[in-house]
């Protein structure tokens, strides 16, 4: 899959100067399947939503959201405890997208 992506970039006329391969198992991400998604915004739909240090309930909390505000998601990942996790643009961590609605 990596080579297909690189070939597609070259076909689009882009020059590849370097390639970084992230080994999820070697870097503590286990078998989670992360994917980068276009940025989009969500509204929190619960009174308190934990912010996690990684995409799953097996990661510690890094605070919580209590304002039912609107937040920008920059990446998505699968992980235990939610159907999908979203990475906050602020860098604070990951939230369960089960308790949000796209805006």
N, C-alpha and C. Protein backbone atom coordinates (compact mmCIF):
# COMPACT_ATOMS: atom_id res chain seq x y z
N UNK A 1 0.82 -1.19 0.00
CA UNK A 1 0.00 0.00 0.00
C UNK A 1 0.87 1.26 0.00
N UNK A 2 1.97 1.24 0.73
CA UNK A 2 2.85 2.40 0.79
C UNK A 2 3.37 2.75 -0.60
N UNK A 3 3.81 1.76 -1.36
CA UNK A 3 4.35 2.03 -2.69
C UNK A 3 3.27 2.57 -3.61
N UNK A 4 2.04 2.09 -3.49
CA UNK A 4 0.93 2.59 -4.30
C UNK A 4 0.71 4.07 -4.02
N UNK A 5 0.77 4.45 -2.76
CA UNK A 5 0.60 5.85 -2.38
C UNK A 5 1.72 6.71 -2.98
N UNK A 6 2.93 6.25 -2.87
CA UNK A 6 4.08 6.99 -3.42
C UNK A 6 3.95 7.12 -4.93
N UNK A 7 3.55 6.04 -5.60
CA UNK A 7 3.36 6.09 -7.05
C UNK A 7 2.27 7.10 -7.43
N UNK A 8 1.20 7.15 -6.64
CA UNK A 8 0.11 8.10 -6.92
C UNK A 8 0.59 9.54 -6.77
N UNK A 9 1.44 9.80 -5.78
CA UNK A 9 1.98 11.14 -5.61
C UNK A 9 2.87 11.53 -6.80
N UNK A 10 3.68 10.58 -7.24
CA UNK A 10 4.56 10.86 -8.39
C UNK A 10 3.72 11.10 -9.65
N UNK A 11 2.66 10.32 -9.82
CA UNK A 11 1.78 10.47 -10.97
C UNK A 11 1.13 11.86 -10.97
N UNK A 12 0.87 12.38 -9.77
CA UNK A 12 0.27 13.71 -9.64
C UNK A 12 1.30 14.82 -9.86
N UNK A 13 2.55 14.45 -10.12
CA UNK A 13 3.58 15.43 -10.41
C UNK A 13 4.33 15.92 -9.18
N UNK A 14 4.14 15.25 -8.05
CA UNK A 14 4.84 15.65 -6.83
C UNK A 14 6.17 14.93 -6.71
N UNK A 15 7.15 15.59 -6.15
CA UNK A 15 8.46 15.00 -5.94
C UNK A 15 8.55 14.48 -4.51
N UNK A 16 8.99 13.25 -4.36
CA UNK A 16 9.14 12.64 -3.05
C UNK A 16 10.59 12.83 -2.62
N UNK A 17 10.82 13.55 -1.52
CA UNK A 17 12.18 13.78 -1.04
C UNK A 17 12.56 12.77 0.03
N UNK A 18 11.58 12.32 0.80
CA UNK A 18 11.86 11.31 1.82
C UNK A 18 10.56 10.62 2.20
N UNK A 19 10.69 9.44 2.74
CA UNK A 19 9.54 8.66 3.17
C UNK A 19 9.78 8.23 4.60
N UNK A 20 8.80 8.48 5.45
CA UNK A 20 8.89 8.04 6.84
C UNK A 20 7.87 6.93 7.03
N UNK A 21 8.32 5.80 7.53
CA UNK A 21 7.44 4.67 7.79
C UNK A 21 7.29 4.56 9.30
N UNK A 22 6.05 4.62 9.78
CA UNK A 22 5.77 4.52 11.20
C UNK A 22 5.37 3.09 11.51
N UNK A 23 6.15 2.45 12.36
CA UNK A 23 5.86 1.08 12.78
C UNK A 23 5.01 1.17 14.04
N UNK A 24 3.70 0.94 13.89
CA UNK A 24 2.79 1.09 15.02
C UNK A 24 3.14 0.19 16.19
N UNK A 25 3.52 -1.06 15.91
CA UNK A 25 3.84 -1.99 17.00
C UNK A 25 5.10 -1.55 17.74
N UNK A 26 6.09 -1.09 17.02
CA UNK A 26 7.35 -0.67 17.64
C UNK A 26 7.20 0.63 18.42
N UNK A 27 6.20 1.43 18.07
CA UNK A 27 6.02 2.72 18.72
C UNK A 27 4.80 2.77 19.63
N UNK A 28 4.35 1.63 20.12
CA UNK A 28 3.33 1.61 21.14
C UNK A 28 1.90 1.75 20.69
N UNK A 29 1.61 1.66 19.42
CA UNK A 29 0.24 1.81 18.95
C UNK A 29 -0.45 0.47 18.73
N UNK A 30 0.22 -0.63 18.98
CA UNK A 30 -0.41 -1.94 18.85
C UNK A 30 -0.96 -2.17 17.46
N UNK A 31 -2.15 -2.75 17.40
CA UNK A 31 -2.79 -3.05 16.12
C UNK A 31 -3.82 -2.01 15.72
N UNK A 32 -3.81 -0.85 16.35
CA UNK A 32 -4.78 0.18 16.00
C UNK A 32 -4.55 0.61 14.56
N UNK A 33 -5.64 0.81 13.85
CA UNK A 33 -5.56 1.22 12.45
C UNK A 33 -5.89 2.70 12.36
N UNK A 34 -4.86 3.53 12.35
CA UNK A 34 -5.06 4.97 12.26
C UNK A 34 -5.23 5.41 10.82
N UNK A 35 -5.99 6.46 10.62
CA UNK A 35 -6.12 7.01 9.28
C UNK A 35 -6.25 8.51 9.39
N UNK A 36 -5.58 9.20 8.50
CA UNK A 36 -5.71 10.64 8.48
C UNK A 36 -6.94 10.98 7.67
N UNK A 37 -7.71 11.90 8.18
CA UNK A 37 -8.96 12.29 7.54
C UNK A 37 -8.91 13.78 7.26
N UNK A 38 -9.72 14.24 6.34
CA UNK A 38 -9.80 15.69 6.18
C UNK A 38 -10.26 16.31 7.49
N UNK A 39 -9.83 17.50 7.78
CA UNK A 39 -10.27 18.16 9.00
C UNK A 39 -11.77 18.40 8.93
N UNK A 40 -12.42 18.14 10.04
CA UNK A 40 -13.84 18.45 10.16
C UNK A 40 -14.15 18.80 11.59
N UNK A 41 -15.30 19.44 11.81
CA UNK A 41 -15.67 19.89 13.14
C UNK A 41 -16.79 19.03 13.70
N UNK A 42 -16.74 18.86 15.02
CA UNK A 42 -17.78 18.10 15.72
C UNK A 42 -18.25 18.90 16.92
N UNK A 43 -19.50 18.67 17.31
CA UNK A 43 -20.04 19.22 18.55
C UNK A 43 -20.14 18.09 19.56
N UNK A 44 -19.66 18.30 20.77
CA UNK A 44 -19.75 17.31 21.83
C UNK A 44 -21.21 17.23 22.28
N UNK A 45 -21.73 16.00 22.42
CA UNK A 45 -23.15 15.81 22.73
C UNK A 45 -23.39 15.25 24.13
N UNK A 46 -22.37 15.15 24.94
CA UNK A 46 -22.51 14.64 26.30
C UNK A 46 -22.01 15.69 27.29
N UNK A 47 -22.41 15.57 28.54
CA UNK A 47 -22.03 16.56 29.54
C UNK A 47 -20.55 16.58 29.86
N UNK A 48 -19.90 15.43 29.79
CA UNK A 48 -18.46 15.36 30.04
C UNK A 48 -17.85 14.27 29.17
N UNK A 49 -16.84 14.63 28.41
CA UNK A 49 -16.19 13.69 27.49
C UNK A 49 -14.69 13.66 27.79
N UNK A 50 -14.19 12.49 28.14
CA UNK A 50 -12.76 12.35 28.45
C UNK A 50 -11.91 12.59 27.21
N UNK A 51 -10.80 13.27 27.43
CA UNK A 51 -9.76 13.41 26.41
C UNK A 51 -8.70 12.38 26.79
N UNK A 52 -8.34 11.53 25.84
CA UNK A 52 -7.38 10.46 26.11
C UNK A 52 -6.04 10.75 25.44
N UNK A 53 -4.98 10.16 25.99
CA UNK A 53 -3.62 10.35 25.46
C UNK A 53 -3.41 9.58 24.17
N UNK A 54 -4.28 8.65 23.85
CA UNK A 54 -4.23 7.87 22.63
C UNK A 54 -5.63 7.42 22.27
N UNK A 55 -5.79 6.79 21.10
CA UNK A 55 -7.12 6.39 20.63
C UNK A 55 -7.62 5.09 21.25
N UNK A 56 -8.07 5.17 22.49
CA UNK A 56 -8.62 3.99 23.15
C UNK A 56 -8.76 4.20 24.64
N UNK A 57 -9.67 3.46 25.25
CA UNK A 57 -9.86 3.56 26.70
C UNK A 57 -8.69 2.95 27.45
N UNK A 58 -7.81 2.27 26.75
CA UNK A 58 -6.61 1.72 27.40
C UNK A 58 -5.54 2.80 27.60
N UNK A 59 -5.75 4.00 27.08
CA UNK A 59 -4.85 5.14 27.30
C UNK A 59 -5.39 5.98 28.46
N UNK A 60 -4.50 6.61 29.18
CA UNK A 60 -4.89 7.47 30.29
C UNK A 60 -5.63 8.71 29.82
N UNK A 61 -6.31 9.35 30.76
CA UNK A 61 -7.02 10.58 30.42
C UNK A 61 -6.06 11.76 30.48
N UNK A 62 -6.41 12.78 29.71
CA UNK A 62 -5.60 13.99 29.61
C UNK A 62 -6.51 15.19 29.83
N UNK A 63 -7.55 15.01 30.65
CA UNK A 63 -8.53 16.06 30.88
C UNK A 63 -9.89 15.64 30.34
N UNK A 64 -10.80 16.60 30.29
CA UNK A 64 -12.14 16.31 29.76
C UNK A 64 -12.75 17.58 29.19
N UNK A 65 -13.76 17.37 28.36
CA UNK A 65 -14.52 18.46 27.75
C UNK A 65 -15.86 18.52 28.46
N UNK A 66 -16.23 19.69 28.96
CA UNK A 66 -17.48 19.83 29.71
C UNK A 66 -18.42 20.89 29.13
N UNK A 67 -18.04 21.49 28.00
CA UNK A 67 -18.82 22.62 27.50
C UNK A 67 -19.71 22.33 26.30
N UNK A 68 -19.75 21.10 25.83
CA UNK A 68 -20.53 20.75 24.63
C UNK A 68 -20.19 21.68 23.46
N UNK A 69 -18.91 22.06 23.38
CA UNK A 69 -18.46 22.97 22.35
C UNK A 69 -18.20 22.29 21.01
N UNK A 70 -17.65 23.06 20.08
CA UNK A 70 -17.31 22.59 18.75
C UNK A 70 -15.79 22.47 18.67
N UNK A 71 -15.32 21.32 18.17
CA UNK A 71 -13.90 21.02 18.11
C UNK A 71 -13.53 20.49 16.73
N UNK A 72 -12.28 20.73 16.33
CA UNK A 72 -11.79 20.27 15.03
C UNK A 72 -11.06 18.94 15.20
N UNK A 73 -11.42 17.97 14.36
CA UNK A 73 -10.81 16.65 14.34
C UNK A 73 -9.84 16.60 13.16
N UNK A 74 -8.59 16.14 13.42
CA UNK A 74 -7.59 16.12 12.36
C UNK A 74 -7.20 14.70 11.92
N UNK A 75 -7.57 13.70 12.69
CA UNK A 75 -7.28 12.32 12.34
C UNK A 75 -8.29 11.42 13.03
N UNK A 76 -8.46 10.22 12.48
CA UNK A 76 -9.34 9.22 13.07
C UNK A 76 -8.56 7.93 13.29
N UNK A 77 -9.01 7.15 14.27
CA UNK A 77 -8.38 5.85 14.53
C UNK A 77 -9.39 4.92 15.18
N UNK A 78 -9.17 3.64 14.99
CA UNK A 78 -9.94 2.63 15.69
C UNK A 78 -9.23 2.32 16.99
N UNK A 79 -9.99 1.93 17.99
CA UNK A 79 -9.39 1.57 19.27
C UNK A 79 -10.46 1.11 20.22
N UNK A 80 -10.06 0.46 21.31
CA UNK A 80 -11.02 -0.08 22.25
C UNK A 80 -11.84 1.02 22.94
N UNK A 81 -13.12 0.73 23.16
CA UNK A 81 -13.98 1.63 23.92
C UNK A 81 -14.83 2.57 23.09
N UNK A 82 -14.65 2.60 21.78
CA UNK A 82 -15.45 3.47 20.92
C UNK A 82 -15.46 2.90 19.51
N UNK A 83 -16.48 3.27 18.76
CA UNK A 83 -16.52 2.82 17.37
C UNK A 83 -15.46 3.53 16.54
N UNK A 84 -15.11 4.78 16.95
CA UNK A 84 -14.05 5.53 16.28
C UNK A 84 -13.57 6.64 17.21
N UNK A 85 -12.29 6.94 17.12
CA UNK A 85 -11.67 7.99 17.92
C UNK A 85 -11.24 9.13 17.01
N UNK A 86 -11.30 10.36 17.51
CA UNK A 86 -10.88 11.53 16.76
C UNK A 86 -9.79 12.29 17.50
N UNK A 87 -8.78 12.71 16.76
CA UNK A 87 -7.67 13.47 17.35
C UNK A 87 -8.01 14.96 17.30
N UNK A 88 -7.90 15.62 18.45
CA UNK A 88 -8.21 17.04 18.53
C UNK A 88 -7.11 17.89 17.89
N UNK A 89 -7.51 18.89 17.15
CA UNK A 89 -6.56 19.80 16.49
C UNK A 89 -5.66 20.50 17.50
N UNK A 90 -6.18 20.77 18.68
CA UNK A 90 -5.41 21.47 19.70
C UNK A 90 -4.20 20.69 20.18
N UNK A 91 -4.20 19.37 19.94
CA UNK A 91 -3.12 18.53 20.41
C UNK A 91 -3.36 17.98 21.81
N UNK A 92 -4.52 18.30 22.39
CA UNK A 92 -4.83 17.85 23.76
C UNK A 92 -4.97 16.33 23.85
N UNK A 93 -5.33 15.66 22.75
CA UNK A 93 -5.47 14.21 22.76
C UNK A 93 -6.58 13.73 21.85
N UNK A 94 -7.18 12.61 22.23
CA UNK A 94 -8.18 11.91 21.42
C UNK A 94 -9.51 11.84 22.16
N UNK A 95 -10.62 11.95 21.42
CA UNK A 95 -11.95 11.81 22.00
C UNK A 95 -12.73 10.74 21.26
N UNK A 96 -13.66 10.11 21.98
CA UNK A 96 -14.57 9.16 21.35
C UNK A 96 -15.54 9.93 20.47
N UNK A 97 -15.63 9.56 19.21
CA UNK A 97 -16.56 10.23 18.30
C UNK A 97 -17.99 9.74 18.49
N UNK A 98 -18.18 8.73 19.35
CA UNK A 98 -19.52 8.24 19.65
C UNK A 98 -20.36 9.28 20.37
N UNK A 99 -19.71 10.25 21.01
CA UNK A 99 -20.40 11.28 21.79
C UNK A 99 -20.28 12.66 21.13
N UNK A 100 -20.24 12.65 19.79
CA UNK A 100 -20.15 13.89 19.04
C UNK A 100 -21.08 13.82 17.83
N UNK A 101 -21.32 14.97 17.23
CA UNK A 101 -22.08 15.05 15.97
C UNK A 101 -21.33 16.01 15.05
N UNK A 102 -21.19 15.63 13.79
CA UNK A 102 -20.53 16.51 12.82
C UNK A 102 -21.35 17.78 12.63
N UNK A 103 -20.64 18.90 12.47
CA UNK A 103 -21.32 20.18 12.22
C UNK A 103 -20.90 20.73 10.87
